[in-house]
Amino acid sequence: MTGSDLVVHVKQSPNHYWGRAGQRIWILTPHCVVGQCTAESLGELFARPARRASSTYGIDKDGRIAQYVDEANAPWTTSSYWNDCRAITVEVASDTYAPYRMNQEAYDSLVRLGADICRRYGFKRVIYAGNLWTLQNTAWPADALILSCHRWFAATACPGDWLLQREEQLAKDITSEIEEGRDLTKEETITLIEERTPTIVNRILDELARQRRTDNEMPKWAGVEDEFDAAHEHGITDKTRPNDFPTRLESAIMANRARDNAVKAAVETVKAMFLTDADSDVQATG
């Protein structure tokens, strides 16, 4: 069965069109089940010929992804031959306490599945169409996967107001997930390191400071014979007052300098770790 590697359960449904009437896939239609279900129970439901319904994928209350129809075939999901021939459809279980509202695990799986579909079909972004007329009358970019809604094609509340109000956010979340999953360029890697490393290092330094307050531990540089010379070597002081006790302001400046130097050193270390091999590859092929 043609489909996603994220699938953990397969139950083929007989309820589908054979092929897609020559149409390419460029639509994603998320649905929300009225109530909770497992990947298996939804598959059993779609396996009944008398049900005359199916979806390409299903996501259960725990976020597990199942497949019921081959992506090469159009499912019977939206009461629209036009939409189903162009769409991959996903039925998602409701939250425990609210029909038509997804829990976080199910929503996150929907985002991951949407990004996986995009990667496999070459889509770089996701756009919410907004309404049926716009969906059918816009010359959409070839690199975009378009979100549509079940209620545009049938007298139904699906996918429910909860998801309907979040369709644009869903498009953004899937697009971000696509970006997360691709290989970064060297420039993007450097930017990512410079943006995220300080936050991580500061978090570590805060924890070390907390431990030192708790354990009354002296920093290593302060344990040598001439503490101010050692502090100067670490870039913490400028040695303007080596023989006096520092004022409160000077102490704060020294602490901030120490933190800044630690962050800078960490950024350079992480850059070296991640970019050395890539630079070697570039030189070897250049």
C-alpha atoms as a PDB file:
ATOM      1  CA  MET A   1       0.000   0.000   0.000  1.00  0.00           C
ATOM      2  CA  THR A   2       1.380   3.398  -0.998  1.00  0.00           C
ATOM      3  CA  GLY A   3       1.500   5.683   1.995  1.00  0.00           C
ATOM      4  CA  SER A   4       3.343   7.141   4.966  1.00  0.00           C
ATOM      5  CA  ASP A   5       6.027   5.443   7.032  1.00  0.00           C
ATOM      6  CA  LEU A   6       4.359   6.995  10.103  1.00  0.00           C
ATOM      7  CA  VAL A   7       1.543   4.436   9.870  1.00  0.00           C
ATOM      8  CA  VAL A   8       1.372   1.897  12.710  1.00  0.00           C
ATOM      9  CA  HIS A   9      -1.813   0.079  11.659  1.00  0.00           C
ATOM     10  CA  VAL A  10      -3.221  -0.847   8.241  1.00  0.00           C
ATOM     11  CA  LYS A  11      -6.783  -1.998   7.519  1.00  0.00           C
ATOM     12  CA  GLN A  12      -7.713  -1.771   3.855  1.00  0.00           C
ATOM     13  CA  SER A  13     -11.189  -0.471   3.133  1.00  0.00           C
ATOM     14  CA  PRO A  14     -13.139  -1.558   0.039  1.00  0.00           C
ATOM     15  CA  ASN A  15     -14.858   1.828   0.040  1.00  0.00           C
ATOM     16  CA  HIS A  16     -12.941   3.920  -2.468  1.00  0.00           C
ATOM     17  CA  TYR A  17     -12.676   4.862  -6.108  1.00  0.00           C
ATOM     18  CA  TRP A  18     -10.085   3.017  -8.167  1.00  0.00           C
ATOM     19  CA  GLY A  19      -7.480   5.576  -9.101  1.00  0.00           C
ATOM     20  CA  ARG A  20      -8.007   9.332  -9.026  1.00  0.00           C
ATOM     21  CA  ALA A  21      -9.551  10.029 -12.432  1.00  0.00           C
ATOM     22  CA  GLY A  22      -6.202  11.317 -13.668  1.00  0.00           C
ATOM     23  CA  GLN A  23      -5.997  14.040 -10.998  1.00  0.00           C
ATOM     24  CA  ARG A  24      -2.869  14.832  -9.019  1.00  0.00           C
ATOM     25  CA  ILE A  25      -2.905  15.111  -5.224  1.00  0.00           C
ATOM     26  CA  TRP A  26      -2.780  18.746  -4.079  1.00  0.00           C
ATOM     27  CA  ILE A  27      -5.407  18.915  -1.303  1.00  0.00           C
ATOM     28  CA  LEU A  28      -5.378  17.748   2.330  1.00  0.00           C
ATOM     29  CA  THR A  29      -8.780  17.407   3.995  1.00  0.00           C
ATOM     30  CA  PRO A  30      -8.671  16.845   7.769  1.00  0.00           C
ATOM     31  CA  HIS A  31     -11.886  15.542   9.366  1.00  0.00           C
ATOM     32  CA  CYS A  32     -12.771  15.106  13.020  1.00  0.00           C
ATOM     33  CA  VAL A  33     -14.622  12.023  14.259  1.00  0.00           C
ATOM     34  CA  VAL A  34     -17.581  12.712  16.552  1.00  0.00           C
ATOM     35  CA  GLY A  35     -16.146  10.917  19.572  1.00  0.00           C
ATOM     36  CA  GLN A  36     -13.073   8.912  20.430  1.00  0.00           C
ATOM     37  CA  CYS A  37     -11.843   5.915  18.494  1.00  0.00           C
ATOM     38  CA  THR A  38      -8.788   3.715  18.116  1.00  0.00           C
ATOM     39  CA  ALA A  39      -6.921   3.178  14.880  1.00  0.00           C
ATOM     40  CA  GLU A  40      -8.328  -0.341  14.838  1.00  0.00           C
ATOM     41  CA  SER A  41     -11.970   0.511  15.552  1.00  0.00           C
ATOM     42  CA  LEU A  42     -12.051   3.178  12.852  1.00  0.00           C
ATOM     43  CA  GLY A  43     -10.524   0.686  10.425  1.00  0.00           C
ATOM     44  CA  GLU A  44     -13.204  -1.883  11.245  1.00  0.00           C
ATOM     45  CA  LEU A  45     -15.883   0.733  10.597  1.00  0.00           C
ATOM     46  CA  PHE A  46     -14.472   1.619   7.171  1.00  0.00           C
ATOM     47  CA  ALA A  47     -14.024  -2.067   6.325  1.00  0.00           C
ATOM     48  CA  ARG A  48     -17.808  -2.538   6.126  1.00  0.00           C
ATOM     49  CA  PRO A  49     -19.005  -2.202   2.495  1.00  0.00           C
ATOM     50  CA  ALA A  50     -22.433  -1.097   3.701  1.00  0.00           C
ATOM     51  CA  ARG A  51     -20.829   1.873   5.450  1.00  0.00           C
ATOM     52  CA  ARG A  52     -19.865   3.361   2.067  1.00  0.00           C
ATOM     53  CA  ALA A  53     -17.295   5.634   3.707  1.00  0.00           C
ATOM     54  CA  SER A  54     -13.552   5.703   4.248  1.00  0.00           C
ATOM     55  CA  SER A  55     -10.559   7.980   4.597  1.00  0.00           C
ATOM     56  CA  THR A  56      -6.986   7.701   3.449  1.00  0.00           C
ATOM     57  CA  TYR A  57      -5.693   7.882   7.019  1.00  0.00           C
ATOM     58  CA  GLY A  58      -7.017   7.866  10.546  1.00  0.00           C
ATOM     59  CA  ILE A  59      -5.492   9.251  13.751  1.00  0.00           C
ATOM     60  CA  ASP A  60      -6.745   7.852  17.023  1.00  0.00           C
ATOM     61  CA  LYS A  61      -7.105   9.429  20.455  1.00  0.00           C
ATOM     62  CA  ASP A  62      -3.510   8.498  21.334  1.00  0.00           C
ATOM     63  CA  GLY A  63      -2.072   9.996  18.160  1.00  0.00           C
ATOM     64  CA  ARG A  64      -1.481   6.644  16.433  1.00  0.00           C
ATOM     65  CA  ILE A  65      -1.723   6.858  12.649  1.00  0.00           C
ATOM     66  CA  ALA A  66      -3.535   4.222  10.584  1.00  0.00           C
ATOM     67  CA  GLN A  67      -4.105   3.853   6.836  1.00  0.00           C
ATOM     68  CA  TYR A  68      -7.276   2.571   5.204  1.00  0.00           C
ATOM     69  CA  VAL A  69      -6.992   3.568   1.526  1.00  0.00           C
ATOM     70  CA  ASP A  70      -3.982   3.551  -0.774  1.00  0.00           C
ATOM     71  CA  GLU A  71      -2.882   7.065  -1.689  1.00  0.00           C
ATOM     72  CA  ALA A  72      -3.188   6.030  -5.341  1.00  0.00           C
ATOM     73  CA  ASN A  73      -6.956   5.708  -4.880  1.00  0.00           C
ATOM     74  CA  ALA A  74      -9.539   8.352  -3.995  1.00  0.00           C
ATOM     75  CA  PRO A  75     -11.328   7.681  -0.685  1.00  0.00           C
ATOM     76  CA  TRP A  76     -15.038   8.154  -0.015  1.00  0.00           C
ATOM     77  CA  THR A  77     -14.781  10.877   2.604  1.00  0.00           C
ATOM     78  CA  THR A  78     -16.160  14.281   1.683  1.00  0.00           C
ATOM     79  CA  SER A  79     -19.257  13.440  -0.388  1.00  0.00           C
ATOM     80  CA  SER A  80     -17.413  15.125  -3.256  1.00  0.00           C
ATOM     81  CA  TYR A  81     -15.888  13.225  -6.144  1.00  0.00           C
ATOM     82  CA  TRP A  82     -14.096  16.432  -7.140  1.00  0.00           C
ATOM     83  CA  ASN A  83     -12.411  16.849  -3.747  1.00  0.00           C
ATOM     84  CA  ASP A  84     -11.710  13.190  -3.005  1.00  0.00           C
ATOM     85  CA  CYS A  85      -9.965  12.665  -6.352  1.00  0.00           C
ATOM     86  CA  ARG A  86      -7.532  15.466  -5.478  1.00  0.00           C
ATOM     87  CA  ALA A  87      -7.233  15.004  -1.727  1.00  0.00           C
ATOM     88  CA  ILE A  88      -5.615  12.894   0.920  1.00  0.00           C
ATOM     89  CA  THR A  89      -8.177  12.725   3.719  1.00  0.00           C
ATOM     90  CA  VAL A  90      -7.553  12.181   7.421  1.00  0.00           C
ATOM     91  CA  GLU A  91     -10.137  11.274  10.066  1.00  0.00           C
ATOM     92  CA  VAL A  92      -8.983  12.350  13.538  1.00  0.00           C
ATOM     93  CA  ALA A  93     -10.459  11.201  16.861  1.00  0.00           C
ATOM     94  CA  SER A  94     -12.102  13.736  19.150  1.00  0.00           C
ATOM     95  CA  ASP A  95     -10.894  14.710  22.601  1.00  0.00           C
ATOM     96  CA  THR A  96     -12.181  12.764  25.607  1.00  0.00           C
ATOM     97  CA  TYR A  97     -14.691  15.375  26.697  1.00  0.00           C
ATOM     98  CA  ALA A  98     -15.584  17.318  23.536  1.00  0.00           C
ATOM     99  CA  PRO A  99     -16.759  16.107  20.120  1.00  0.00           C
ATOM    100  CA  TYR A 100     -15.006  17.811  17.198  1.00  0.00           C
ATOM    101  CA  ARG A 101     -12.087  18.890  19.399  1.00  0.00           C
ATOM    102  CA  MET A 102      -8.732  17.151  19.061  1.00  0.00           C
ATOM    103  CA  ASN A 103      -6.396  16.408  21.932  1.00  0.00           C
ATOM    104  CA  GLN A 104      -2.773  17.481  21.618  1.00  0.00           C
ATOM    105  CA  GLU A 105      -1.430  14.026  20.707  1.00  0.00           C
ATOM    106  CA  ALA A 106      -3.876  13.690  17.824  1.00  0.00           C
ATOM    107  CA  TYR A 107      -3.239  17.230  16.584  1.00  0.00           C
ATOM    108  CA  ASP A 108       0.540  16.753  16.694  1.00  0.00           C
ATOM    109  CA  SER A 109       0.209  13.549  14.676  1.00  0.00           C
ATOM    110  CA  LEU A 110      -1.913  15.386  12.113  1.00  0.00           C
ATOM    111  CA  VAL A 111       0.867  17.961  11.768  1.00  0.00           C
ATOM    112  CA  ARG A 112       3.536  15.272  11.369  1.00  0.00           C
ATOM    113  CA  LEU A 113       1.461  13.360   8.830  1.00  0.00           C
ATOM    114  CA  GLY A 114       0.770  16.537   6.852  1.00  0.00           C
ATOM    115  CA  ALA A 115       4.483  17.352   6.759  1.00  0.00           C
ATOM    116  CA  ASP A 116       5.317  13.801   5.691  1.00  0.00           C
ATOM    117  CA  ILE A 117       2.830  14.050   2.815  1.00  0.00           C
ATOM    118  CA  CYS A 118       4.361  17.356   1.766  1.00  0.00           C
ATOM    119  CA  ARG A 119       7.894  15.984   1.756  1.00  0.00           C
ATOM    120  CA  ARG A 120       6.950  12.944  -0.293  1.00  0.00           C
ATOM    121  CA  TYR A 121       5.006  14.953  -2.880  1.00  0.00           C
ATOM    122  CA  GLY A 122       7.407  17.885  -3.010  1.00  0.00           C
ATOM    123  CA  PHE A 123       5.208  20.524  -1.338  1.00  0.00           C
ATOM    124  CA  LYS A 124       7.127  23.273   0.453  1.00  0.00           C
ATOM    125  CA  ARG A 125       4.206  24.893   2.271  1.00  0.00           C
ATOM    126  CA  VAL A 126       0.562  24.501   3.252  1.00  0.00           C
ATOM    127  CA  ILE A 127      -2.200  27.043   2.600  1.00  0.00           C
ATOM    128  CA  TYR A 128      -5.754  27.085   3.953  1.00  0.00           C
ATOM    129  CA  ALA A 129      -8.140  27.853   1.081  1.00  0.00           C
ATOM    130  CA  GLY A 130     -10.741  29.578   3.294  1.00  0.00           C
ATOM    131  CA  ASN A 131     -13.826  28.658   1.280  1.00  0.00           C
ATOM    132  CA  LEU A 132     -14.985  26.439  -1.568  1.00  0.00           C
ATOM    133  CA  TRP A 133     -15.046  29.130  -4.251  1.00  0.00           C
ATOM    134  CA  THR A 134     -11.442  30.116  -3.487  1.00  0.00           C
ATOM    135  CA  LEU A 135     -10.380  26.469  -3.418  1.00  0.00           C
ATOM    136  CA  GLN A 136     -11.790  25.760  -6.866  1.00  0.00           C
ATOM    137  CA  ASN A 137     -11.054  29.061  -8.590  1.00  0.00           C
ATOM    138  CA  THR A 138      -7.516  29.938  -7.496  1.00  0.00           C
ATOM    139  CA  ALA A 139      -4.390  29.144  -9.475  1.00  0.00           C
ATOM    140  CA  TRP A 140      -2.564  27.668  -6.484  1.00  0.00           C
ATOM    141  CA  PRO A 141       1.254  27.470  -6.501  1.00  0.00           C
ATOM    142  CA  ALA A 142       2.535  24.051  -7.523  1.00  0.00           C
ATOM    143  CA  ASP A 143       4.671  23.841  -4.360  1.00  0.00           C
ATOM    144  CA  ALA A 144       1.683  24.305  -2.001  1.00  0.00           C
ATOM    145  CA  LEU A 145      -0.618  21.728  -0.410  1.00  0.00           C
ATOM    146  CA  ILE A 146      -4.081  23.237   0.099  1.00  0.00           C
ATOM    147  CA  LEU A 147      -6.375  22.571   3.081  1.00  0.00           C
ATOM    148  CA  SER A 148     -10.084  22.048   2.376  1.00  0.00           C
ATOM    149  CA  CYS A 149     -13.078  21.385   4.675  1.00  0.00           C
ATOM    150  CA  HIS A 150     -15.691  18.635   4.602  1.00  0.00           C
ATOM    151  CA  ARG A 151     -18.552  21.054   5.356  1.00  0.00           C
ATOM    152  CA  TRP A 152     -17.892  22.880   2.088  1.00  0.00           C
ATOM    153  CA  PHE A 153     -19.165  19.825   0.199  1.00  0.00           C
ATOM    154  CA  ALA A 154     -21.889  18.358   2.440  1.00  0.00           C
ATOM    155  CA  ALA A 155     -24.464  19.271   5.089  1.00  0.00           C
ATOM    156  CA  THR A 156     -22.244  18.383   8.031  1.00  0.00           C
ATOM    157  CA  ALA A 157     -20.580  20.097  10.963  1.00  0.00           C
ATOM    158  CA  CYS A 158     -17.288  18.319  10.184  1.00  0.00           C
ATOM    159  CA  PRO A 159     -14.530  19.160  10.940  1.00  0.00           C
ATOM    160  CA  GLY A 160     -16.181  21.131  13.744  1.00  0.00           C
ATOM    161  CA  ASP A 161     -15.681  24.725  14.838  1.00  0.00           C
ATOM    162  CA  TRP A 162     -12.604  23.881  16.942  1.00  0.00           C
ATOM    163  CA  LEU A 163     -10.536  22.825  13.933  1.00  0.00           C
ATOM    164  CA  LEU A 164     -12.199  25.287  11.582  1.00  0.00           C
ATOM    165  CA  GLN A 165     -10.930  28.126  13.767  1.00  0.00           C
ATOM    166  CA  ARG A 166      -7.431  26.611  13.649  1.00  0.00           C
ATOM    167  CA  GLU A 167      -7.116  25.761   9.949  1.00  0.00           C
ATOM    168  CA  GLU A 168      -4.737  28.644   9.260  1.00  0.00           C
ATOM    169  CA  GLN A 169      -2.673  27.705  12.320  1.00  0.00           C
ATOM    170  CA  LEU A 170      -2.645  24.084  11.150  1.00  0.00           C
ATOM    171  CA  ALA A 171      -1.281  25.239   7.793  1.00  0.00           C
ATOM    172  CA  LYS A 172       1.465  27.189   9.592  1.00  0.00           C
ATOM    173  CA  ASP A 173       2.287  24.280  11.917  1.00  0.00           C
ATOM    174  CA  ILE A 174       2.615  21.799   9.055  1.00  0.00           C
ATOM    175  CA  THR A 175       4.753  24.254   7.091  1.00  0.00           C
ATOM    176  CA  SER A 176       7.033  24.686  10.112  1.00  0.00           C
ATOM    177  CA  GLU A 177       7.262  20.903  10.476  1.00  0.00           C
ATOM    178  CA  ILE A 178       8.319  20.638   6.824  1.00  0.00           C
ATOM    179  CA  GLU A 179      11.093  23.137   7.528  1.00  0.00           C
ATOM    180  CA  GLU A 180      12.186  21.242  10.641  1.00  0.00           C
ATOM    181  CA  GLY A 181      12.504  18.021   8.715  1.00  0.00           C
ATOM    182  CA  ARG A 182      14.660  19.223   5.818  1.00  0.00           C
ATOM    183  CA  ASP A 183      18.444  19.551   5.718  1.00  0.00           C
ATOM    184  CA  LEU A 184      19.610  23.020   6.660  1.00  0.00           C
ATOM    185  CA  THR A 185      22.146  25.006   4.665  1.00  0.00           C
ATOM    186  CA  LYS A 186      25.400  25.995   6.355  1.00  0.00           C
ATOM    187  CA  GLU A 187      24.156  29.572   6.782  1.00  0.00           C
ATOM    188  CA  GLU A 188      20.866  28.368   8.325  1.00  0.00           C
ATOM    189  CA  THR A 189      22.773  26.061  10.668  1.00  0.00           C
ATOM    190  CA  ILE A 190      24.961  28.927  11.889  1.00  0.00           C
ATOM    191  CA  THR A 191      21.905  31.124  12.433  1.00  0.00           C
ATOM    192  CA  LEU A 192      20.154  28.355  14.347  1.00  0.00           C
ATOM    193  CA  ILE A 193      23.189  27.799  16.582  1.00  0.00           C
ATOM    194  CA  GLU A 194      23.571  31.516  17.275  1.00  0.00           C
ATOM    195  CA  GLU A 195      19.871  31.877  18.098  1.00  0.00           C
ATOM    196  CA  ARG A 196      19.363  28.807  20.280  1.00  0.00           C
ATOM    197  CA  THR A 197      22.705  28.188  21.996  1.00  0.00           C
ATOM    198  CA  PRO A 198      22.543  31.286  24.262  1.00  0.00           C
ATOM    199  CA  THR A 199      19.138  30.238  25.591  1.00  0.00           C
ATOM    200  CA  ILE A 200      20.375  26.745  26.382  1.00  0.00           C
ATOM    201  CA  VAL A 201      23.641  27.941  27.946  1.00  0.00           C
ATOM    202  CA  ASN A 202      21.882  30.568  30.049  1.00  0.00           C
ATOM    203  CA  ARG A 203      19.531  27.896  31.343  1.00  0.00           C
ATOM    204  CA  ILE A 204      22.550  25.788  32.347  1.00  0.00           C
ATOM    205  CA  LEU A 205      24.276  28.763  33.959  1.00  0.00           C
ATOM    206  CA  ASP A 206      21.143  29.581  35.942  1.00  0.00           C
ATOM    207  CA  GLU A 207      21.090  26.033  37.273  1.00  0.00           C
ATOM    208  CA  LEU A 208      24.808  26.182  38.163  1.00  0.00           C
ATOM    209  CA  ALA A 209      24.254  29.485  39.938  1.00  0.00           C
ATOM    210  CA  ARG A 210      21.389  27.960  41.889  1.00  0.00           C
ATOM    211  CA  GLN A 211      23.565  25.021  42.894  1.00  0.00           C
ATOM    212  CA  ARG A 212      26.379  27.309  43.986  1.00  0.00           C
ATOM    213  CA  ARG A 213      23.991  29.300  46.142  1.00  0.00           C
ATOM    214  CA  THR A 214      22.800  26.034  47.645  1.00  0.00           C
ATOM    215  CA  ASP A 215      26.217  24.379  48.025  1.00  0.00           C
ATOM    216  CA  ASN A 216      28.181  27.605  48.618  1.00  0.00           C
ATOM    217  CA  GLU A 217      30.615  26.400  45.967  1.00  0.00           C
ATOM    218  CA  MET A 218      33.391  28.753  44.858  1.00  0.00           C
ATOM    219  CA  PRO A 219      33.995  29.141  41.104  1.00  0.00           C
ATOM    220  CA  LYS A 220      37.184  27.383  39.959  1.00  0.00           C
ATOM    221  CA  TRP A 221      38.952  30.548  38.802  1.00  0.00           C
ATOM    222  CA  ALA A 222      38.525  32.081  42.266  1.00  0.00           C
ATOM    223  CA  GLY A 223      40.420  29.267  43.966  1.00  0.00           C
ATOM    224  CA  VAL A 224      43.833  30.172  42.579  1.00  0.00           C
ATOM    225  CA  GLU A 225      46.435  32.314  44.318  1.00  0.00           C
ATOM    226  CA  ASP A 226      45.568  35.572  42.554  1.00  0.00           C
ATOM    227  CA  GLU A 227      41.851  35.545  41.916  1.00  0.00           C
ATOM    228  CA  PHE A 228      41.754  38.863  40.051  1.00  0.00           C
ATOM    229  CA  ASP A 229      44.479  37.834  37.614  1.00  0.00           C
ATOM    230  CA  ALA A 230      42.593  34.610  36.939  1.00  0.00           C
ATOM    231  CA  ALA A 231      39.344  36.524  36.493  1.00  0.00           C
ATOM    232  CA  HIS A 232      41.090  38.867  34.045  1.00  0.00           C
ATOM    233  CA  GLU A 233      42.384  35.916  32.034  1.00  0.00           C
ATOM    234  CA  HIS A 234      38.827  34.675  31.749  1.00  0.00           C
ATOM    235  CA  GLY A 235      37.654  38.081  30.528  1.00  0.00           C
ATOM    236  CA  ILE A 236      35.610  38.706  33.656  1.00  0.00           C
ATOM    237  CA  THR A 237      37.423  41.793  34.980  1.00  0.00           C
ATOM    238  CA  ASP A 238      39.519  44.503  33.363  1.00  0.00           C
ATOM    239  CA  LYS A 239      41.957  44.672  36.359  1.00  0.00           C
ATOM    240  CA  THR A 240      41.156  48.306  37.065  1.00  0.00           C
ATOM    241  CA  ARG A 241      40.694  47.619  40.800  1.00  0.00           C
ATOM    242  CA  PRO A 242      42.696  44.490  41.617  1.00  0.00           C
ATOM    243  CA  ASN A 243      43.355  45.409  45.235  1.00  0.00           C
ATOM    244  CA  ASP A 244      39.898  46.540  46.371  1.00  0.00           C
ATOM    245  CA  PHE A 245      36.669  44.736  47.025  1.00  0.00           C
ATOM    246  CA  PRO A 246      34.341  45.272  44.034  1.00  0.00           C
ATOM    247  CA  THR A 247      31.225  47.348  44.442  1.00  0.00           C
ATOM    248  CA  ARG A 248      27.798  45.788  43.915  1.00  0.00           C
ATOM    249  CA  LEU A 249      27.670  47.262  40.391  1.00  0.00           C
ATOM    250  CA  GLU A 250      31.147  45.985  39.561  1.00  0.00           C
ATOM    251  CA  SER A 251      30.207  42.538  40.859  1.00  0.00           C
ATOM    252  CA  ALA A 252      27.139  42.533  38.619  1.00  0.00           C
ATOM    253  CA  ILE A 253      29.236  43.609  35.639  1.00  0.00           C
ATOM    254  CA  MET A 254      31.739  40.836  36.372  1.00  0.00           C
ATOM    255  CA  ALA A 255      28.955  38.262  36.603  1.00  0.00           C
ATOM    256  CA  ASN A 256      27.446  39.419  33.314  1.00  0.00           C
ATOM    257  CA  ARG A 257      30.830  39.337  31.610  1.00  0.00           C
ATOM    258  CA  ALA A 258      31.384  35.807  32.856  1.00  0.00           C
ATOM    259  CA  ARG A 259      27.987  34.764  31.521  1.00  0.00           C
ATOM    260  CA  ASP A 260      28.547  36.487  28.159  1.00  0.00           C
ATOM    261  CA  ASN A 261      31.936  34.833  27.761  1.00  0.00           C
ATOM    262  CA  ALA A 262      30.487  31.424  28.576  1.00  0.00           C
ATOM    263  CA  VAL A 263      27.759  31.886  25.973  1.00  0.00           C
ATOM    264  CA  LYS A 264      30.218  33.055  23.307  1.00  0.00           C
ATOM    265  CA  ALA A 265      32.503  30.121  24.007  1.00  0.00           C
ATOM    266  CA  ALA A 266      29.573  27.708  23.835  1.00  0.00           C
ATOM    267  CA  VAL A 267      28.390  29.137  20.492  1.00  0.00           C
ATOM    268  CA  GLU A 268      31.860  28.742  18.969  1.00  0.00           C
ATOM    269  CA  THR A 269      32.192  25.212  20.370  1.00  0.00           C
ATOM    270  CA  VAL A 270      28.826  24.126  18.956  1.00  0.00           C
ATOM    271  CA  LYS A 271      29.652  25.711  15.593  1.00  0.00           C
ATOM    272  CA  ALA A 272      32.914  23.809  15.466  1.00  0.00           C
ATOM    273  CA  MET A 273      31.167  20.548  16.355  1.00  0.00           C
ATOM    274  CA  PHE A 274      28.512  20.870  13.652  1.00  0.00           C
ATOM    275  CA  LEU A 275      30.386  22.615  10.866  1.00  0.00           C
ATOM    276  CA  THR A 276      33.866  21.063  10.791  1.00  0.00           C
ATOM    277  CA  ASP A 277      32.798  17.977   8.835  1.00  0.00           C
ATOM    278  CA  ALA A 278      30.623  20.020   6.477  1.00  0.00           C
ATOM    279  CA  ASP A 279      33.518  22.430   5.774  1.00  0.00           C
ATOM    280  CA  SER A 280      35.809  19.489   5.066  1.00  0.00           C
ATOM    281  CA  ASP A 281      33.281  18.073   2.616  1.00  0.00           C
ATOM    282  CA  VAL A 282      33.016  21.422   0.854  1.00  0.00           C
ATOM    283  CA  GLN A 283      36.815  21.695   0.547  1.00  0.00           C
ATOM    284  CA  ALA A 284      37.118  18.119  -0.640  1.00  0.00           C
ATOM    285  CA  THR A 285      34.532  18.561  -3.385  1.00  0.00           C
ATOM    286  CA  GLY A 286      35.657  22.075  -4.295  1.00  0.00           C
END
